[in-house]
């Protein structure tokens, strides 16, 4: 079992405006399941699990603070982050959803890493992601992975903006998609809005069916086609599962992921 406790934010006694102010670092993990505004003080380390559905979440992160933010079992929520320190966001989406993510990097050296895994079977999923670099030497890195099966549709609409004067900033976007049948699709719409010359920005996308060569290689080592297919997928999915630091949640999500894939 994990030695990290999960604390329901509802049980902490929120302010009348449904806000929470975190002033000290803790190894505990805060559970978010409703509309909320969170302020994380300077020099604070905090972790969250977000399971909101049809909600709005706003998080402000102070200078030199570090936030680990996991999104599980959520759908149709809008999330905004005002980042003066660092944030790592990992999302695993297994249900139909239409959601948005907005990140403002507002202080020098602010950093955002976003990793989103979507496994969709006979569902439509859309993700709108927007990162704005509002200070010098800010860094963003978005990685999206989509697996579509049984007439599923996954869309990643990702925009990164480096505003004028914010030199030495870095903005990277990568999307990968695996399409499991002819009636499913994964689309990536990467957009870079760059108003500064002294910066680094790039994007890339690789979408298609699983490599026949990779499958053939594993099958030549004694695996059947389905076993080979699952092994390759697990290599992609594994890092997302490992980001979950609570054993109960990790086991739950891993079981749901495997059930979705094996049912295809």
C-alpha atoms as a PDB file:
ATOM      1  CA  UNK A   1       0.000   0.000   0.000  1.00  0.00           C
ATOM      2  CA  UNK A   2       1.098   3.587  -0.577  1.00  0.00           C
ATOM      3  CA  UNK A   3       2.226   5.555   2.464  1.00  0.00           C
ATOM      4  CA  UNK A   4       0.575   8.691   1.088  1.00  0.00           C
ATOM      5  CA  UNK A   5      -2.815   9.589   2.504  1.00  0.00           C
ATOM      6  CA  UNK A   6      -5.577  10.887   0.255  1.00  0.00           C
ATOM      7  CA  UNK A   7      -7.434  13.804   1.837  1.00  0.00           C
ATOM      8  CA  UNK A   8     -10.833  14.890   0.523  1.00  0.00           C
ATOM      9  CA  UNK A   9     -10.804  18.651   0.079  1.00  0.00           C
ATOM     10  CA  UNK A  10     -14.500  18.735   0.933  1.00  0.00           C
ATOM     11  CA  UNK A  11     -13.646  17.541   4.443  1.00  0.00           C
ATOM     12  CA  UNK A  12     -11.133  20.334   5.027  1.00  0.00           C
ATOM     13  CA  UNK A  13     -13.615  23.146   5.507  1.00  0.00           C
ATOM     14  CA  UNK A  14     -13.508  25.384   2.456  1.00  0.00           C
ATOM     15  CA  UNK A  15     -14.037  29.131   2.472  1.00  0.00           C
ATOM     16  CA  UNK A  16     -17.454  30.517   1.503  1.00  0.00           C
ATOM     17  CA  UNK A  17     -16.232  31.162  -2.035  1.00  0.00           C
ATOM     18  CA  UNK A  18     -15.306  27.469  -2.350  1.00  0.00           C
ATOM     19  CA  UNK A  19     -11.571  28.179  -2.200  1.00  0.00           C
ATOM     20  CA  UNK A  20      -8.622  26.508  -0.494  1.00  0.00           C
ATOM     21  CA  UNK A  21      -5.307  28.089   0.526  1.00  0.00           C
ATOM     22  CA  UNK A  22      -2.384  25.661   0.903  1.00  0.00           C
ATOM     23  CA  UNK A  23       0.441  27.153   2.958  1.00  0.00           C
ATOM     24  CA  UNK A  24       2.628  24.165   3.847  1.00  0.00           C
ATOM     25  CA  UNK A  25       4.182  21.229   2.031  1.00  0.00           C
ATOM     26  CA  UNK A  26       2.811  17.757   2.723  1.00  0.00           C
ATOM     27  CA  UNK A  27       3.223  14.181   1.515  1.00  0.00           C
ATOM     28  CA  UNK A  28      -0.555  13.775   1.571  1.00  0.00           C
ATOM     29  CA  UNK A  29      -2.564  13.947  -1.654  1.00  0.00           C
ATOM     30  CA  UNK A  30      -5.557  16.268  -1.971  1.00  0.00           C
ATOM     31  CA  UNK A  31      -8.641  14.810  -3.697  1.00  0.00           C
ATOM     32  CA  UNK A  32     -10.622  17.253  -5.880  1.00  0.00           C
ATOM     33  CA  UNK A  33     -14.156  16.249  -6.849  1.00  0.00           C
ATOM     34  CA  UNK A  34     -16.043  19.549  -7.209  1.00  0.00           C
ATOM     35  CA  UNK A  35     -15.737  23.167  -8.379  1.00  0.00           C
ATOM     36  CA  UNK A  36     -12.887  24.824  -6.516  1.00  0.00           C
ATOM     37  CA  UNK A  37     -10.260  27.580  -6.538  1.00  0.00           C
ATOM     38  CA  UNK A  38      -6.908  26.623  -5.003  1.00  0.00           C
ATOM     39  CA  UNK A  39      -3.984  28.850  -4.079  1.00  0.00           C
ATOM     40  CA  UNK A  40      -0.636  27.181  -3.387  1.00  0.00           C
ATOM     41  CA  UNK A  41       1.787  29.425  -1.489  1.00  0.00           C
ATOM     42  CA  UNK A  42       5.426  30.038  -2.408  1.00  0.00           C
ATOM     43  CA  UNK A  43       7.964  27.268  -1.671  1.00  0.00           C
ATOM     44  CA  UNK A  44       5.254  24.626  -1.217  1.00  0.00           C
ATOM     45  CA  UNK A  45       5.175  21.069  -2.555  1.00  0.00           C
ATOM     46  CA  UNK A  46       1.664  19.653  -3.088  1.00  0.00           C
ATOM     47  CA  UNK A  47      -0.024  16.743  -4.898  1.00  0.00           C
ATOM     48  CA  UNK A  48      -3.591  16.421  -6.177  1.00  0.00           C
ATOM     49  CA  UNK A  49      -5.897  13.813  -7.690  1.00  0.00           C
ATOM     50  CA  UNK A  50      -8.695  15.403  -9.726  1.00  0.00           C
ATOM     51  CA  UNK A  51     -11.814  13.305 -10.405  1.00  0.00           C
ATOM     52  CA  UNK A  52     -14.132  16.193 -11.294  1.00  0.00           C
ATOM     53  CA  UNK A  53     -17.020  15.863 -13.734  1.00  0.00           C
ATOM     54  CA  UNK A  54     -18.635  18.893 -15.381  1.00  0.00           C
ATOM     55  CA  UNK A  55     -16.764  21.221 -13.011  1.00  0.00           C
ATOM     56  CA  UNK A  56     -14.426  24.219 -13.078  1.00  0.00           C
ATOM     57  CA  UNK A  57     -11.087  24.058 -11.291  1.00  0.00           C
ATOM     58  CA  UNK A  58      -8.638  26.958 -10.947  1.00  0.00           C
ATOM     59  CA  UNK A  59      -5.196  26.525  -9.366  1.00  0.00           C
ATOM     60  CA  UNK A  60      -2.622  29.269  -8.684  1.00  0.00           C
ATOM     61  CA  UNK A  61       0.915  28.076  -7.953  1.00  0.00           C
ATOM     62  CA  UNK A  62       3.336  30.343  -6.112  1.00  0.00           C
ATOM     63  CA  UNK A  63       6.986  31.029  -6.883  1.00  0.00           C
ATOM     64  CA  UNK A  64       9.360  28.093  -6.330  1.00  0.00           C
ATOM     65  CA  UNK A  65       6.447  25.766  -5.613  1.00  0.00           C
ATOM     66  CA  UNK A  66       6.041  22.332  -7.174  1.00  0.00           C
ATOM     67  CA  UNK A  67       2.658  20.735  -7.870  1.00  0.00           C
ATOM     68  CA  UNK A  68       1.980  17.194  -9.048  1.00  0.00           C
ATOM     69  CA  UNK A  69      -1.535  17.028 -10.532  1.00  0.00           C
ATOM     70  CA  UNK A  70      -3.175  13.748 -11.598  1.00  0.00           C
ATOM     71  CA  UNK A  71      -6.518  13.669 -13.458  1.00  0.00           C
ATOM     72  CA  UNK A  72      -8.410  10.353 -13.220  1.00  0.00           C
ATOM     73  CA  UNK A  73     -12.008   9.285 -13.842  1.00  0.00           C
ATOM     74  CA  UNK A  74     -12.915  12.863 -14.734  1.00  0.00           C
ATOM     75  CA  UNK A  75     -14.896  14.220 -17.663  1.00  0.00           C
ATOM     76  CA  UNK A  76     -16.138  17.474 -19.193  1.00  0.00           C
ATOM     77  CA  UNK A  77     -14.272  19.739 -16.760  1.00  0.00           C
ATOM     78  CA  UNK A  78     -12.494  23.035 -17.417  1.00  0.00           C
ATOM     79  CA  UNK A  79      -9.161  23.569 -15.664  1.00  0.00           C
ATOM     80  CA  UNK A  80      -7.076  26.730 -15.382  1.00  0.00           C
ATOM     81  CA  UNK A  81      -3.593  26.946 -13.914  1.00  0.00           C
ATOM     82  CA  UNK A  82      -1.708  30.153 -13.113  1.00  0.00           C
ATOM     83  CA  UNK A  83       1.845  28.982 -12.697  1.00  0.00           C
ATOM     84  CA  UNK A  84       4.669  30.902 -11.077  1.00  0.00           C
ATOM     85  CA  UNK A  85       6.590  27.765 -10.099  1.00  0.00           C
ATOM     86  CA  UNK A  86       6.383  24.249 -11.552  1.00  0.00           C
ATOM     87  CA  UNK A  87       3.533  21.863 -12.361  1.00  0.00           C
ATOM     88  CA  UNK A  88       3.420  18.312 -13.700  1.00  0.00           C
ATOM     89  CA  UNK A  89       0.002  17.258 -15.004  1.00  0.00           C
ATOM     90  CA  UNK A  90      -0.782  13.643 -15.881  1.00  0.00           C
ATOM     91  CA  UNK A  91      -4.218  12.729 -17.208  1.00  0.00           C
ATOM     92  CA  UNK A  92      -5.667   9.303 -18.003  1.00  0.00           C
ATOM     93  CA  UNK A  93      -9.022   9.596 -19.779  1.00  0.00           C
ATOM     94  CA  UNK A  94     -11.094   6.447 -20.278  1.00  0.00           C
ATOM     95  CA  UNK A  95     -14.569   7.958 -20.691  1.00  0.00           C
ATOM     96  CA  UNK A  96     -16.234  10.252 -23.205  1.00  0.00           C
ATOM     97  CA  UNK A  97     -15.213  13.821 -22.482  1.00  0.00           C
ATOM     98  CA  UNK A  98     -15.077  17.336 -23.898  1.00  0.00           C
ATOM     99  CA  UNK A  99     -12.713  19.364 -21.756  1.00  0.00           C
ATOM    100  CA  UNK A 100     -10.321  22.288 -21.705  1.00  0.00           C
ATOM    101  CA  UNK A 101      -6.964  22.968 -20.081  1.00  0.00           C
ATOM    102  CA  UNK A 102      -5.523  26.474 -19.829  1.00  0.00           C
ATOM    103  CA  UNK A 103      -2.082  27.224 -18.386  1.00  0.00           C
ATOM    104  CA  UNK A 104      -0.503  30.651 -17.863  1.00  0.00           C
ATOM    105  CA  UNK A 105       3.236  30.707 -17.139  1.00  0.00           C
ATOM    106  CA  UNK A 106       3.548  34.033 -15.370  1.00  0.00           C
ATOM    107  CA  UNK A 107       7.018  34.217 -13.778  1.00  0.00           C
ATOM    108  CA  UNK A 108      10.561  33.603 -15.003  1.00  0.00           C
ATOM    109  CA  UNK A 109      11.526  29.905 -14.958  1.00  0.00           C
ATOM    110  CA  UNK A 110       7.914  28.783 -14.579  1.00  0.00           C
ATOM    111  CA  UNK A 111       7.556  25.271 -15.963  1.00  0.00           C
ATOM    112  CA  UNK A 112       4.623  23.079 -17.059  1.00  0.00           C
ATOM    113  CA  UNK A 113       4.799  19.428 -18.126  1.00  0.00           C
ATOM    114  CA  UNK A 114       1.533  17.917 -19.397  1.00  0.00           C
ATOM    115  CA  UNK A 115       1.032  14.244 -20.275  1.00  0.00           C
ATOM    116  CA  UNK A 116      -2.370  13.064 -21.471  1.00  0.00           C
ATOM    117  CA  UNK A 117      -3.351   9.460 -22.236  1.00  0.00           C
ATOM    118  CA  UNK A 118      -6.734   8.791 -23.878  1.00  0.00           C
ATOM    119  CA  UNK A 119      -8.111   5.315 -24.544  1.00  0.00           C
ATOM    120  CA  UNK A 120     -11.447   5.531 -26.329  1.00  0.00           C
ATOM    121  CA  UNK A 121     -13.822   2.781 -27.433  1.00  0.00           C
ATOM    122  CA  UNK A 122     -16.921   3.881 -29.362  1.00  0.00           C
ATOM    123  CA  UNK A 123     -16.727   7.387 -27.868  1.00  0.00           C
ATOM    124  CA  UNK A 124     -15.944  10.944 -28.931  1.00  0.00           C
ATOM    125  CA  UNK A 125     -13.247  12.754 -26.967  1.00  0.00           C
ATOM    126  CA  UNK A 126     -12.045  16.324 -27.475  1.00  0.00           C
ATOM    127  CA  UNK A 127      -9.245  18.061 -25.613  1.00  0.00           C
ATOM    128  CA  UNK A 128      -8.490  21.766 -25.937  1.00  0.00           C
ATOM    129  CA  UNK A 129      -5.139  22.739 -24.445  1.00  0.00           C
ATOM    130  CA  UNK A 130      -3.762  26.260 -24.313  1.00  0.00           C
ATOM    131  CA  UNK A 131      -0.443  27.343 -22.795  1.00  0.00           C
ATOM    132  CA  UNK A 132       0.613  30.988 -22.670  1.00  0.00           C
ATOM    133  CA  UNK A 133       4.221  32.003 -21.941  1.00  0.00           C
ATOM    134  CA  UNK A 134       3.902  35.339 -20.176  1.00  0.00           C
ATOM    135  CA  UNK A 135       7.451  35.659 -18.818  1.00  0.00           C
ATOM    136  CA  UNK A 136      11.023  35.028 -19.905  1.00  0.00           C
ATOM    137  CA  UNK A 137      12.708  31.635 -19.595  1.00  0.00           C
ATOM    138  CA  UNK A 138       9.436  29.732 -19.208  1.00  0.00           C
ATOM    139  CA  UNK A 139       9.089  26.136 -20.389  1.00  0.00           C
ATOM    140  CA  UNK A 140       6.144  24.009 -21.489  1.00  0.00           C
ATOM    141  CA  UNK A 141       6.049  20.452 -22.760  1.00  0.00           C
ATOM    142  CA  UNK A 142       2.818  18.710 -23.798  1.00  0.00           C
ATOM    143  CA  UNK A 143       2.679  15.012 -24.726  1.00  0.00           C
ATOM    144  CA  UNK A 144      -0.617  13.494 -25.887  1.00  0.00           C
ATOM    145  CA  UNK A 145      -1.179   9.790 -26.527  1.00  0.00           C
ATOM    146  CA  UNK A 146      -4.461   8.520 -27.984  1.00  0.00           C
ATOM    147  CA  UNK A 147      -5.680   4.968 -28.608  1.00  0.00           C
ATOM    148  CA  UNK A 148      -8.941   4.803 -30.603  1.00  0.00           C
ATOM    149  CA  UNK A 149     -11.015   1.683 -31.241  1.00  0.00           C
ATOM    150  CA  UNK A 150     -14.567   0.635 -32.179  1.00  0.00           C
ATOM    151  CA  UNK A 151     -15.532   3.792 -34.115  1.00  0.00           C
ATOM    152  CA  UNK A 152     -13.940   6.099 -31.551  1.00  0.00           C
ATOM    153  CA  UNK A 153     -12.835   9.667 -32.241  1.00  0.00           C
ATOM    154  CA  UNK A 154     -10.086  11.497 -30.326  1.00  0.00           C
ATOM    155  CA  UNK A 155      -9.161  15.115 -31.032  1.00  0.00           C
ATOM    156  CA  UNK A 156      -6.234  17.051 -29.515  1.00  0.00           C
ATOM    157  CA  UNK A 157      -6.438  20.802 -30.133  1.00  0.00           C
ATOM    158  CA  UNK A 158      -3.193  22.165 -28.672  1.00  0.00           C
ATOM    159  CA  UNK A 159      -2.041  25.789 -28.759  1.00  0.00           C
ATOM    160  CA  UNK A 160       1.199  27.175 -27.374  1.00  0.00           C
ATOM    161  CA  UNK A 161       1.857  30.925 -27.336  1.00  0.00           C
ATOM    162  CA  UNK A 162       5.100  32.740 -26.556  1.00  0.00           C
ATOM    163  CA  UNK A 163       4.333  36.411 -26.135  1.00  0.00           C
ATOM    164  CA  UNK A 164       6.625  39.188 -27.331  1.00  0.00           C
ATOM    165  CA  UNK A 165       9.559  39.933 -25.039  1.00  0.00           C
ATOM    166  CA  UNK A 166       9.559  36.542 -23.310  1.00  0.00           C
ATOM    167  CA  UNK A 167      12.963  35.442 -24.577  1.00  0.00           C
ATOM    168  CA  UNK A 168      14.654  32.104 -23.862  1.00  0.00           C
ATOM    169  CA  UNK A 169      11.294  30.370 -23.520  1.00  0.00           C
ATOM    170  CA  UNK A 170      10.646  26.836 -24.764  1.00  0.00           C
ATOM    171  CA  UNK A 171       7.351  25.411 -26.030  1.00  0.00           C
ATOM    172  CA  UNK A 172       7.079  21.796 -27.195  1.00  0.00           C
ATOM    173  CA  UNK A 173       4.098  19.711 -28.324  1.00  0.00           C
ATOM    174  CA  UNK A 174       4.018  16.026 -29.292  1.00  0.00           C
ATOM    175  CA  UNK A 175       0.953  13.914 -30.156  1.00  0.00           C
ATOM    176  CA  UNK A 176       0.908  10.169 -30.837  1.00  0.00           C
ATOM    177  CA  UNK A 177      -2.128   8.227 -31.978  1.00  0.00           C
ATOM    178  CA  UNK A 178      -2.836   4.529 -32.484  1.00  0.00           C
ATOM    179  CA  UNK A 179      -5.906   3.723 -34.579  1.00  0.00           C
ATOM    180  CA  UNK A 180      -7.114   0.165 -34.042  1.00  0.00           C
ATOM    181  CA  UNK A 181      -9.649  -0.069 -36.898  1.00  0.00           C
ATOM    182  CA  UNK A 182     -10.678   1.672 -40.103  1.00  0.00           C
ATOM    183  CA  UNK A 183     -13.665   3.372 -38.451  1.00  0.00           C
ATOM    184  CA  UNK A 184     -11.748   5.121 -35.664  1.00  0.00           C
ATOM    185  CA  UNK A 185      -9.673   8.298 -35.793  1.00  0.00           C
ATOM    186  CA  UNK A 186      -7.159  10.347 -33.843  1.00  0.00           C
ATOM    187  CA  UNK A 187      -6.563  13.932 -34.940  1.00  0.00           C
ATOM    188  CA  UNK A 188      -3.988  16.429 -33.707  1.00  0.00           C
ATOM    189  CA  UNK A 189      -4.235  20.165 -34.306  1.00  0.00           C
ATOM    190  CA  UNK A 190      -0.978  21.676 -33.033  1.00  0.00           C
ATOM    191  CA  UNK A 191      -0.725  25.469 -33.154  1.00  0.00           C
ATOM    192  CA  UNK A 192       2.279  27.613 -32.237  1.00  0.00           C
ATOM    193  CA  UNK A 193       1.787  31.379 -31.847  1.00  0.00           C
ATOM    194  CA  UNK A 194       5.275  32.844 -31.552  1.00  0.00           C
ATOM    195  CA  UNK A 195       5.821  36.603 -31.112  1.00  0.00           C
ATOM    196  CA  UNK A 196       9.440  36.368 -29.918  1.00  0.00           C
ATOM    197  CA  UNK A 197      12.547  35.549 -31.963  1.00  0.00           C
ATOM    198  CA  UNK A 198      14.793  34.388 -29.124  1.00  0.00           C
ATOM    199  CA  UNK A 199      12.951  31.204 -28.170  1.00  0.00           C
ATOM    200  CA  UNK A 200      12.537  27.528 -29.034  1.00  0.00           C
ATOM    201  CA  UNK A 201       9.242  26.057 -30.218  1.00  0.00           C
ATOM    202  CA  UNK A 202       8.315  22.858 -32.051  1.00  0.00           C
ATOM    203  CA  UNK A 203       5.531  20.355 -32.496  1.00  0.00           C
ATOM    204  CA  UNK A 204       5.144  16.904 -33.958  1.00  0.00           C
ATOM    205  CA  UNK A 205       2.495  14.250 -34.506  1.00  0.00           C
ATOM    206  CA  UNK A 206       2.580  10.575 -35.430  1.00  0.00           C
ATOM    207  CA  UNK A 207      -0.791   8.899 -36.004  1.00  0.00           C
ATOM    208  CA  UNK A 208      -1.588   5.558 -37.608  1.00  0.00           C
ATOM    209  CA  UNK A 209      -2.048   1.862 -37.103  1.00  0.00           C
ATOM    210  CA  UNK A 210       0.404  -0.152 -35.068  1.00  0.00           C
ATOM    211  CA  UNK A 211       3.536  -1.136 -36.970  1.00  0.00           C
ATOM    212  CA  UNK A 212       3.218  -4.508 -38.673  1.00  0.00           C
ATOM    213  CA  UNK A 213       6.995  -4.917 -38.390  1.00  0.00           C
ATOM    214  CA  UNK A 214       6.891  -4.519 -34.589  1.00  0.00           C
ATOM    215  CA  UNK A 215       4.036  -6.991 -34.324  1.00  0.00           C
ATOM    216  CA  UNK A 216       5.782  -9.496 -36.599  1.00  0.00           C
ATOM    217  CA  UNK A 217       9.010  -9.238 -34.580  1.00  0.00           C
ATOM    218  CA  UNK A 218       7.249 -10.056 -31.304  1.00  0.00           C
ATOM    219  CA  UNK A 219       5.205 -12.826 -32.914  1.00  0.00           C
ATOM    220  CA  UNK A 220       8.436 -14.350 -34.196  1.00  0.00           C
ATOM    221  CA  UNK A 221       9.490 -14.593 -30.542  1.00  0.00           C
ATOM    222  CA  UNK A 222       6.514 -16.778 -29.684  1.00  0.00           C
ATOM    223  CA  UNK A 223       3.744 -14.299 -28.872  1.00  0.00           C
ATOM    224  CA  UNK A 224       0.348 -14.426 -30.529  1.00  0.00           C
ATOM    225  CA  UNK A 225      -0.826 -11.280 -32.319  1.00  0.00           C
ATOM    226  CA  UNK A 226      -3.017 -10.093 -29.432  1.00  0.00           C
ATOM    227  CA  UNK A 227      -0.226 -10.638 -26.889  1.00  0.00           C
ATOM    228  CA  UNK A 228       2.212  -8.710 -29.073  1.00  0.00           C
ATOM    229  CA  UNK A 229      -0.295  -5.915 -29.526  1.00  0.00           C
ATOM    230  CA  UNK A 230      -0.910  -5.622 -25.767  1.00  0.00           C
ATOM    231  CA  UNK A 231       2.819  -5.652 -25.008  1.00  0.00           C
ATOM    232  CA  UNK A 232       3.467  -2.703 -27.323  1.00  0.00           C
ATOM    233  CA  UNK A 233       0.533  -0.757 -25.906  1.00  0.00           C
ATOM    234  CA  UNK A 234       1.610  -1.413 -22.347  1.00  0.00           C
ATOM    235  CA  UNK A 235       4.991   0.079 -23.180  1.00  0.00           C
ATOM    236  CA  UNK A 236       3.219   3.323 -24.113  1.00  0.00           C
ATOM    237  CA  UNK A 237       0.761   3.252 -21.229  1.00  0.00           C
ATOM    238  CA  UNK A 238       3.147   2.179 -18.464  1.00  0.00           C
ATOM    239  CA  UNK A 239       4.650   5.612 -17.688  1.00  0.00           C
ATOM    240  CA  UNK A 240       1.165   7.096 -17.188  1.00  0.00           C
ATOM    241  CA  UNK A 241       0.168   4.330 -14.769  1.00  0.00           C
ATOM    242  CA  UNK A 242       3.414   4.711 -12.813  1.00  0.00           C
ATOM    243  CA  UNK A 243       2.679   8.396 -12.239  1.00  0.00           C
ATOM    244  CA  UNK A 244      -0.185   7.384  -9.911  1.00  0.00           C
ATOM    245  CA  UNK A 245       1.344   7.203  -6.431  1.00  0.00           C
ATOM    246  CA  UNK A 246      -1.648   5.729  -4.604  1.00  0.00           C
ATOM    247  CA  UNK A 247      -1.805   1.953  -4.964  1.00  0.00           C
ATOM    248  CA  UNK A 248      -5.607   1.707  -4.850  1.00  0.00           C
ATOM    249  CA  UNK A 249      -6.017   4.211  -7.679  1.00  0.00           C
ATOM    250  CA  UNK A 250      -3.170   2.692  -9.673  1.00  0.00           C
ATOM    251  CA  UNK A 251      -4.682  -0.784  -9.547  1.00  0.00           C
ATOM    252  CA  UNK A 252      -8.147   0.544 -10.398  1.00  0.00           C
ATOM    253  CA  UNK A 253      -7.017   2.520 -13.448  1.00  0.00           C
ATOM    254  CA  UNK A 254      -4.715  -0.243 -14.670  1.00  0.00           C
ATOM    255  CA  UNK A 255      -7.595  -2.722 -14.540  1.00  0.00           C
ATOM    256  CA  UNK A 256      -9.901  -0.338 -16.431  1.00  0.00           C
ATOM    257  CA  UNK A 257      -7.251   0.278 -19.093  1.00  0.00           C
ATOM    258  CA  UNK A 258      -6.660  -3.412 -19.677  1.00  0.00           C
ATOM    259  CA  UNK A 259     -10.393  -4.135 -19.791  1.00  0.00           C
ATOM    260  CA  UNK A 260     -10.879  -1.504 -22.495  1.00  0.00           C
ATOM    261  CA  UNK A 261      -8.015  -2.797 -24.618  1.00  0.00           C
ATOM    262  CA  UNK A 262      -8.726  -6.508 -24.208  1.00  0.00           C
ATOM    263  CA  UNK A 263     -12.409  -6.013 -25.040  1.00  0.00           C
ATOM    264  CA  UNK A 264     -11.494  -4.800 -28.523  1.00  0.00           C
END
